[in-house]
Amino acid sequence: MRANVGVLWFQVEVRGHPVHVREMGSGANAIDAAYRVIGALRQLEAAWNARRGEHAHFENEPHPINLNVGRIEGGDWASSVPAWCRIDCRISLFPGIKPETVAREIEDAVAQFAREDRVLANNPPRITFNGFFAEGYALAPGTEAEEVLARAHQATTGRELRSSTMPAYLDARVYALYDQIPALCYGPSGQNVHGYDERVSLASVKRTTTAIALFVAEWCGLEAVDGK
């Protein structure tokens, strides 16, 4: 992988005003309000994707920045207008942008929307950053490690090594950003990641295992075994 995005997790808590359903017009439905907040976050997502041309490796990706509303809970039972709703979200960020910058933009976008919303103007949502707070990473081409891997890949598969961009989180960023170790992400091919039918090609597992072994042999060197 040539580049991957950073990731932010956050929770938005929206509070409403509970009343009996027969008088719901006098209350404030927190779940309905949460959906409106999601709409504001979608606008922010679209604005970030519109700037993808400013970021190397991502200019040809159709939608590199993805907001996922991964969990929602709210209300107490079906016959009361819900007084509370919480949504847990994940959004990505381009390499080179600090998570703190993205967090401020999220807070500002939600606050601006709340000021214009009848329900939320006097009761703004609360945002908590509660998980990943991670920068993205881009590997400069031409490192010695990449050249060694390219030779190992060519020897194993008969094909040239190709690089790709990943609009998702990769652990390689930890080594590159915080240990100053150029990190390569190389492995087998699969389908439906995080889905019901997640699977991997066993043939590609064998090929990549061989390539990694050749890479280690050249990168680290070999030692004689039993005097041979």
C-alpha atoms as a PDB file:
ATOM      1  CA  MET A   1       0.000   0.000   0.000  1.00  0.00           C
ATOM      2  CA  ARG A   2       1.327   3.406  -0.982  1.00  0.00           C
ATOM      3  CA  ALA A   3      -0.915   5.427   1.326  1.00  0.00           C
ATOM      4  CA  ASN A   4      -3.732   5.037   3.798  1.00  0.00           C
ATOM      5  CA  VAL A   5      -6.090   7.377   5.612  1.00  0.00           C
ATOM      6  CA  GLY A   6      -6.216   8.206   9.285  1.00  0.00           C
ATOM      7  CA  VAL A   7      -9.260   7.393  11.394  1.00  0.00           C
ATOM      8  CA  LEU A   8     -11.321   9.186  14.041  1.00  0.00           C
ATOM      9  CA  TRP A   9     -13.975   7.598  16.236  1.00  0.00           C
ATOM     10  CA  PHE A  10     -16.497   9.819  17.963  1.00  0.00           C
ATOM     11  CA  GLN A  11     -19.858   9.725  19.662  1.00  0.00           C
ATOM     12  CA  VAL A  12     -22.590  12.336  19.354  1.00  0.00           C
ATOM     13  CA  GLU A  13     -25.158  12.536  22.135  1.00  0.00           C
ATOM     14  CA  VAL A  14     -28.410  14.343  21.364  1.00  0.00           C
ATOM     15  CA  ARG A  15     -30.972  15.219  24.016  1.00  0.00           C
ATOM     16  CA  GLY A  16     -34.658  15.854  23.431  1.00  0.00           C
ATOM     17  CA  HIS A  17     -37.772  16.552  25.488  1.00  0.00           C
ATOM     18  CA  PRO A  18     -39.971  13.551  26.368  1.00  0.00           C
ATOM     19  CA  VAL A  19     -43.746  13.752  26.170  1.00  0.00           C
ATOM     20  CA  HIS A  20     -46.551  11.279  25.497  1.00  0.00           C
ATOM     21  CA  VAL A  21     -46.923  10.409  21.821  1.00  0.00           C
ATOM     22  CA  ARG A  22     -50.378  12.037  21.726  1.00  0.00           C
ATOM     23  CA  GLU A  23     -48.627  15.379  22.425  1.00  0.00           C
ATOM     24  CA  MET A  24     -45.469  14.767  20.437  1.00  0.00           C
ATOM     25  CA  GLY A  25     -45.653  18.177  18.789  1.00  0.00           C
ATOM     26  CA  SER A  26     -44.898  19.769  22.157  1.00  0.00           C
ATOM     27  CA  GLY A  27     -41.854  17.575  22.748  1.00  0.00           C
ATOM     28  CA  ALA A  28     -38.535  17.142  21.000  1.00  0.00           C
ATOM     29  CA  ASN A  29     -37.596  13.799  19.458  1.00  0.00           C
ATOM     30  CA  ALA A  30     -33.898  13.139  20.098  1.00  0.00           C
ATOM     31  CA  ILE A  31     -33.722  10.347  17.499  1.00  0.00           C
ATOM     32  CA  ASP A  32     -35.163  12.587  14.782  1.00  0.00           C
ATOM     33  CA  ALA A  33     -32.677  15.290  15.795  1.00  0.00           C
ATOM     34  CA  ALA A  34     -29.808  12.800  15.624  1.00  0.00           C
ATOM     35  CA  TYR A  35     -30.704  12.051  12.009  1.00  0.00           C
ATOM     36  CA  ARG A  36     -30.508  15.754  11.243  1.00  0.00           C
ATOM     37  CA  VAL A  37     -27.042  15.871  12.836  1.00  0.00           C
ATOM     38  CA  ILE A  38     -26.018  12.967  10.600  1.00  0.00           C
ATOM     39  CA  GLY A  39     -27.126  15.062   7.629  1.00  0.00           C
ATOM     40  CA  ALA A  40     -24.802  17.876   8.739  1.00  0.00           C
ATOM     41  CA  LEU A  41     -21.934  15.392   9.086  1.00  0.00           C
ATOM     42  CA  ARG A  42     -22.652  14.084   5.577  1.00  0.00           C
ATOM     43  CA  GLN A  43     -22.208  17.616   4.256  1.00  0.00           C
ATOM     44  CA  LEU A  44     -18.819  17.800   5.965  1.00  0.00           C
ATOM     45  CA  GLU A  45     -17.884  14.411   4.487  1.00  0.00           C
ATOM     46  CA  ALA A  46     -18.802  15.662   1.003  1.00  0.00           C
ATOM     47  CA  ALA A  47     -16.733  18.829   1.444  1.00  0.00           C
ATOM     48  CA  TRP A  48     -13.651  16.819   2.423  1.00  0.00           C
ATOM     49  CA  ASN A  49     -14.068  14.459  -0.534  1.00  0.00           C
ATOM     50  CA  ALA A  50     -14.357  17.445  -2.851  1.00  0.00           C
ATOM     51  CA  ARG A  51     -10.794  18.380  -1.811  1.00  0.00           C
ATOM     52  CA  ARG A  52      -9.289  14.968  -2.602  1.00  0.00           C
ATOM     53  CA  GLY A  53      -7.413  16.451  -5.579  1.00  0.00           C
ATOM     54  CA  GLU A  54      -5.251  18.388  -3.121  1.00  0.00           C
ATOM     55  CA  HIS A  55      -3.892  15.159  -1.602  1.00  0.00           C
ATOM     56  CA  ALA A  56      -1.325  12.995  -3.379  1.00  0.00           C
ATOM     57  CA  HIS A  57      -2.351   9.368  -4.007  1.00  0.00           C
ATOM     58  CA  PHE A  58      -6.031  10.124  -3.423  1.00  0.00           C
ATOM     59  CA  GLU A  59      -6.864  12.350  -6.385  1.00  0.00           C
ATOM     60  CA  ASN A  60      -8.251   9.413  -8.406  1.00  0.00           C
ATOM     61  CA  GLU A  61     -10.123   7.782  -5.540  1.00  0.00           C
ATOM     62  CA  PRO A  62     -13.858   8.425  -6.038  1.00  0.00           C
ATOM     63  CA  HIS A  63     -14.729   8.631  -2.326  1.00  0.00           C
ATOM     64  CA  PRO A  64     -11.692   8.305  -0.030  1.00  0.00           C
ATOM     65  CA  ILE A  65     -13.251   9.969   3.020  1.00  0.00           C
ATOM     66  CA  ASN A  66     -16.028   7.856   4.480  1.00  0.00           C
ATOM     67  CA  LEU A  67     -18.286   8.605   7.409  1.00  0.00           C
ATOM     68  CA  ASN A  68     -19.783   5.490   8.951  1.00  0.00           C
ATOM     69  CA  VAL A  69     -22.574   5.717  11.491  1.00  0.00           C
ATOM     70  CA  GLY A  70     -21.798   2.361  13.028  1.00  0.00           C
ATOM     71  CA  ARG A  71     -24.070   2.293  16.067  1.00  0.00           C
ATOM     72  CA  ILE A  72     -27.183   4.075  17.256  1.00  0.00           C
ATOM     73  CA  GLU A  73     -29.197   3.792  20.443  1.00  0.00           C
ATOM     74  CA  GLY A  74     -31.892   5.950  21.957  1.00  0.00           C
ATOM     75  CA  GLY A  75     -35.233   6.285  23.623  1.00  0.00           C
ATOM     76  CA  ASP A  76     -36.812   4.206  26.366  1.00  0.00           C
ATOM     77  CA  TRP A  77     -39.976   2.748  24.841  1.00  0.00           C
ATOM     78  CA  ALA A  78     -42.267   3.189  21.871  1.00  0.00           C
ATOM     79  CA  SER A  79     -44.943   5.331  23.540  1.00  0.00           C
ATOM     80  CA  SER A  80     -42.744   8.245  24.645  1.00  0.00           C
ATOM     81  CA  VAL A  81     -41.033  10.836  22.486  1.00  0.00           C
ATOM     82  CA  PRO A  82     -37.370   9.875  23.018  1.00  0.00           C
ATOM     83  CA  ALA A  83     -35.372  12.091  25.340  1.00  0.00           C
ATOM     84  CA  TRP A  84     -31.950  10.860  24.250  1.00  0.00           C
ATOM     85  CA  CYS A  85     -30.040   9.371  21.349  1.00  0.00           C
ATOM     86  CA  ARG A  86     -26.386   8.454  20.860  1.00  0.00           C
ATOM     87  CA  ILE A  87     -24.641   7.677  17.588  1.00  0.00           C
ATOM     88  CA  ASP A  88     -21.152   6.211  17.271  1.00  0.00           C
ATOM     89  CA  CYS A  89     -19.287   7.258  14.154  1.00  0.00           C
ATOM     90  CA  ARG A  90     -16.065   6.620  12.314  1.00  0.00           C
ATOM     91  CA  ILE A  91     -14.641   9.061   9.770  1.00  0.00           C
ATOM     92  CA  SER A  92     -11.371   9.085   7.861  1.00  0.00           C
ATOM     93  CA  LEU A  93      -8.842  11.855   7.217  1.00  0.00           C
ATOM     94  CA  PHE A  94      -6.159  12.428   4.609  1.00  0.00           C
ATOM     95  CA  PRO A  95      -2.476  11.840   5.394  1.00  0.00           C
ATOM     96  CA  GLY A  96      -0.756  15.000   6.576  1.00  0.00           C
ATOM     97  CA  ILE A  97      -3.821  16.302   8.414  1.00  0.00           C
ATOM     98  CA  LYS A  98      -3.756  16.164  12.198  1.00  0.00           C
ATOM     99  CA  PRO A  99      -6.640  14.443  13.996  1.00  0.00           C
ATOM    100  CA  GLU A 100      -6.962  17.527  16.207  1.00  0.00           C
ATOM    101  CA  THR A 101      -7.749  19.614  13.110  1.00  0.00           C
ATOM    102  CA  VAL A 102     -10.425  17.180  11.964  1.00  0.00           C
ATOM    103  CA  ALA A 103     -11.922  17.009  15.462  1.00  0.00           C
ATOM    104  CA  ARG A 104     -12.294  20.802  15.554  1.00  0.00           C
ATOM    105  CA  GLU A 105     -13.976  20.812  12.134  1.00  0.00           C
ATOM    106  CA  ILE A 106     -16.455  18.179  13.314  1.00  0.00           C
ATOM    107  CA  GLU A 107     -17.218  20.126  16.473  1.00  0.00           C
ATOM    108  CA  ASP A 108     -17.616  23.381  14.544  1.00  0.00           C
ATOM    109  CA  ALA A 109     -19.876  21.821  11.893  1.00  0.00           C
ATOM    110  CA  VAL A 110     -22.183  20.254  14.487  1.00  0.00           C
ATOM    111  CA  ALA A 111     -22.246  23.429  16.593  1.00  0.00           C
ATOM    112  CA  GLN A 112     -23.098  25.582  13.566  1.00  0.00           C
ATOM    113  CA  PHE A 113     -25.892  23.232  12.555  1.00  0.00           C
ATOM    114  CA  ALA A 114     -27.268  23.119  16.109  1.00  0.00           C
ATOM    115  CA  ARG A 115     -27.506  26.904  16.287  1.00  0.00           C
ATOM    116  CA  GLU A 116     -29.906  26.838  13.327  1.00  0.00           C
ATOM    117  CA  ASP A 117     -31.986  23.878  14.512  1.00  0.00           C
ATOM    118  CA  ARG A 118     -35.187  24.536  16.489  1.00  0.00           C
ATOM    119  CA  VAL A 119     -34.650  21.634  18.885  1.00  0.00           C
ATOM    120  CA  LEU A 120     -30.894  21.809  19.284  1.00  0.00           C
ATOM    121  CA  ALA A 121     -30.330  25.561  19.443  1.00  0.00           C
ATOM    122  CA  ASN A 122     -30.716  25.666  23.237  1.00  0.00           C
ATOM    123  CA  ASN A 123     -29.574  22.099  23.817  1.00  0.00           C
ATOM    124  CA  PRO A 124     -26.567  21.428  21.555  1.00  0.00           C
ATOM    125  CA  PRO A 125     -25.250  17.900  21.009  1.00  0.00           C
ATOM    126  CA  ARG A 126     -22.282  16.632  22.990  1.00  0.00           C
ATOM    127  CA  ILE A 127     -19.356  15.156  21.068  1.00  0.00           C
ATOM    128  CA  THR A 128     -16.902  12.712  22.619  1.00  0.00           C
ATOM    129  CA  PHE A 129     -13.845  11.383  20.784  1.00  0.00           C
ATOM    130  CA  ASN A 130     -13.732   7.880  22.141  1.00  0.00           C
ATOM    131  CA  GLY A 131     -11.479   5.591  20.101  1.00  0.00           C
ATOM    132  CA  PHE A 132      -9.119   5.890  17.168  1.00  0.00           C
ATOM    133  CA  PHE A 133      -7.492   9.317  16.924  1.00  0.00           C
ATOM    134  CA  ALA A 134      -5.020   8.380  14.222  1.00  0.00           C
ATOM    135  CA  GLU A 135      -3.124  10.164  11.461  1.00  0.00           C
ATOM    136  CA  GLY A 136      -2.865   8.812   7.936  1.00  0.00           C
ATOM    137  CA  TYR A 137       0.366   7.736   6.278  1.00  0.00           C
ATOM    138  CA  ALA A 138       1.971   7.927   2.841  1.00  0.00           C
ATOM    139  CA  LEU A 139       5.142   6.036   1.904  1.00  0.00           C
ATOM    140  CA  ALA A 140       7.556   7.879  -0.364  1.00  0.00           C
ATOM    141  CA  PRO A 141       8.544   5.732  -3.366  1.00  0.00           C
ATOM    142  CA  GLY A 142      12.043   4.398  -3.897  1.00  0.00           C
ATOM    143  CA  THR A 143      12.942   2.998  -0.472  1.00  0.00           C
ATOM    144  CA  GLU A 144      15.419   0.152  -0.349  1.00  0.00           C
ATOM    145  CA  ALA A 145      12.872  -2.057   1.410  1.00  0.00           C
ATOM    146  CA  GLU A 146      10.389  -1.568  -1.424  1.00  0.00           C
ATOM    147  CA  GLU A 147      13.031  -2.494  -3.992  1.00  0.00           C
ATOM    148  CA  VAL A 148      13.849  -5.717  -2.129  1.00  0.00           C
ATOM    149  CA  LEU A 149      10.156  -6.593  -1.866  1.00  0.00           C
ATOM    150  CA  ALA A 150       9.679  -5.892  -5.571  1.00  0.00           C
ATOM    151  CA  ARG A 151      12.389  -8.424  -6.426  1.00  0.00           C
ATOM    152  CA  ALA A 152      10.876 -11.018  -4.102  1.00  0.00           C
ATOM    153  CA  HIS A 153       7.395 -10.438  -5.562  1.00  0.00           C
ATOM    154  CA  GLN A 154       8.721 -10.713  -9.138  1.00  0.00           C
ATOM    155  CA  ALA A 155      10.562 -13.945  -8.361  1.00  0.00           C
ATOM    156  CA  THR A 156       7.475 -15.486  -6.753  1.00  0.00           C
ATOM    157  CA  THR A 157       4.671 -14.340  -9.056  1.00  0.00           C
ATOM    158  CA  GLY A 158       6.431 -13.414 -12.282  1.00  0.00           C
ATOM    159  CA  ARG A 159       4.742 -10.021 -12.142  1.00  0.00           C
ATOM    160  CA  GLU A 160       5.863  -6.524 -11.215  1.00  0.00           C
ATOM    161  CA  LEU A 161       4.954  -5.233  -7.769  1.00  0.00           C
ATOM    162  CA  ARG A 162       2.176  -2.641  -7.899  1.00  0.00           C
ATOM    163  CA  SER A 163       1.279  -0.097  -5.260  1.00  0.00           C
ATOM    164  CA  SER A 164      -2.207   0.963  -4.232  1.00  0.00           C
ATOM    165  CA  THR A 165      -3.967   3.466  -2.008  1.00  0.00           C
ATOM    166  CA  MET A 166      -6.122   2.289   0.881  1.00  0.00           C
ATOM    167  CA  PRO A 167      -8.956   4.534   2.160  1.00  0.00           C
ATOM    168  CA  ALA A 168      -8.830   2.660   5.472  1.00  0.00           C
ATOM    169  CA  TYR A 169      -6.668   2.295   8.576  1.00  0.00           C
ATOM    170  CA  LEU A 170      -3.410   0.291   8.394  1.00  0.00           C
ATOM    171  CA  ASP A 171      -1.082  -0.495  11.295  1.00  0.00           C
ATOM    172  CA  ALA A 172       1.951   0.243   9.094  1.00  0.00           C
ATOM    173  CA  ARG A 173       1.426   3.891   9.979  1.00  0.00           C
ATOM    174  CA  VAL A 174       2.512   3.256  13.585  1.00  0.00           C
ATOM    175  CA  TYR A 175       6.034   2.254  12.540  1.00  0.00           C
ATOM    176  CA  ALA A 176       6.357   4.980   9.925  1.00  0.00           C
ATOM    177  CA  LEU A 177       5.017   7.914  11.929  1.00  0.00           C
ATOM    178  CA  TYR A 178       6.315   7.147  15.408  1.00  0.00           C
ATOM    179  CA  ASP A 179       9.386   4.936  14.933  1.00  0.00           C
ATOM    180  CA  GLN A 180      10.599   6.472  11.646  1.00  0.00           C
ATOM    181  CA  ILE A 181      10.699   3.001  10.059  1.00  0.00           C
ATOM    182  CA  PRO A 182       9.483   2.875   6.435  1.00  0.00           C
ATOM    183  CA  ALA A 183       6.703   0.300   6.601  1.00  0.00           C
ATOM    184  CA  LEU A 184       5.370  -1.844   3.778  1.00  0.00           C
ATOM    185  CA  CYS A 185       1.918  -3.447   3.835  1.00  0.00           C
ATOM    186  CA  TYR A 186       1.974  -6.571   1.678  1.00  0.00           C
ATOM    187  CA  GLY A 187      -0.241  -9.613   1.800  1.00  0.00           C
ATOM    188  CA  PRO A 188      -2.761 -11.925   0.144  1.00  0.00           C
ATOM    189  CA  SER A 189      -5.906 -10.911  -1.682  1.00  0.00           C
ATOM    190  CA  GLY A 190      -9.335 -11.220  -0.135  1.00  0.00           C
ATOM    191  CA  GLN A 191     -12.942 -10.119  -0.474  1.00  0.00           C
ATOM    192  CA  ASN A 192     -15.804  -8.774   1.638  1.00  0.00           C
ATOM    193  CA  VAL A 193     -13.624  -7.503   4.480  1.00  0.00           C
ATOM    194  CA  HIS A 194     -15.723  -7.014   7.667  1.00  0.00           C
ATOM    195  CA  GLY A 195     -18.659  -8.588   5.846  1.00  0.00           C
ATOM    196  CA  TYR A 196     -20.676 -11.778   6.341  1.00  0.00           C
ATOM    197  CA  ASP A 197     -18.619 -13.736   3.822  1.00  0.00           C
ATOM    198  CA  GLU A 198     -15.139 -12.371   4.509  1.00  0.00           C
ATOM    199  CA  ARG A 199     -12.619 -14.597   2.761  1.00  0.00           C
ATOM    200  CA  VAL A 200      -9.044 -14.835   1.528  1.00  0.00           C
ATOM    201  CA  SER A 201      -7.491 -16.571  -1.473  1.00  0.00           C
ATOM    202  CA  LEU A 202      -5.437 -19.506  -0.184  1.00  0.00           C
ATOM    203  CA  ALA A 203      -3.378 -19.521  -3.371  1.00  0.00           C
ATOM    204  CA  SER A 204      -2.410 -15.899  -2.771  1.00  0.00           C
ATOM    205  CA  VAL A 205      -1.531 -16.750   0.858  1.00  0.00           C
ATOM    206  CA  LYS A 206       0.995 -19.273  -0.444  1.00  0.00           C
ATOM    207  CA  ARG A 207       2.438 -16.824  -2.970  1.00  0.00           C
ATOM    208  CA  THR A 208       2.788 -13.952  -0.529  1.00  0.00           C
ATOM    209  CA  THR A 209       4.263 -16.219   2.146  1.00  0.00           C
ATOM    210  CA  THR A 210       6.972 -17.254  -0.326  1.00  0.00           C
ATOM    211  CA  ALA A 211       7.608 -13.643  -1.312  1.00  0.00           C
ATOM    212  CA  ILE A 212       7.882 -12.547   2.328  1.00  0.00           C
ATOM    213  CA  ALA A 213      10.347 -15.375   3.002  1.00  0.00           C
ATOM    214  CA  LEU A 214      12.499 -14.242   0.068  1.00  0.00           C
ATOM    215  CA  PHE A 215      12.287 -10.655   1.292  1.00  0.00           C
ATOM    216  CA  VAL A 216      13.416 -11.633   4.803  1.00  0.00           C
ATOM    217  CA  ALA A 217      16.264 -13.734   3.395  1.00  0.00           C
ATOM    218  CA  GLU A 218      17.644 -10.839   1.334  1.00  0.00           C
ATOM    219  CA  TRP A 219      16.906  -8.078   3.841  1.00  0.00           C
ATOM    220  CA  CYS A 220      18.199  -9.835   6.939  1.00  0.00           C
ATOM    221  CA  GLY A 221      20.726 -12.210   5.393  1.00  0.00           C
ATOM    222  CA  LEU A 222      21.188 -15.944   5.942  1.00  0.00           C
ATOM    223  CA  GLU A 223      23.132 -17.916   8.483  1.00  0.00           C
ATOM    224  CA  ALA A 224      24.670 -21.343   7.997  1.00  0.00           C
ATOM    225  CA  VAL A 225      22.820 -24.245   9.622  1.00  0.00           C
ATOM    226  CA  ASP A 226      24.863 -27.171  11.011  1.00  0.00           C
ATOM    227  CA  GLY A 227      27.991 -25.809   9.423  1.00  0.00           C
ATOM    228  CA  LYS A 228      26.578 -25.829   5.894  1.00  0.00           C
END
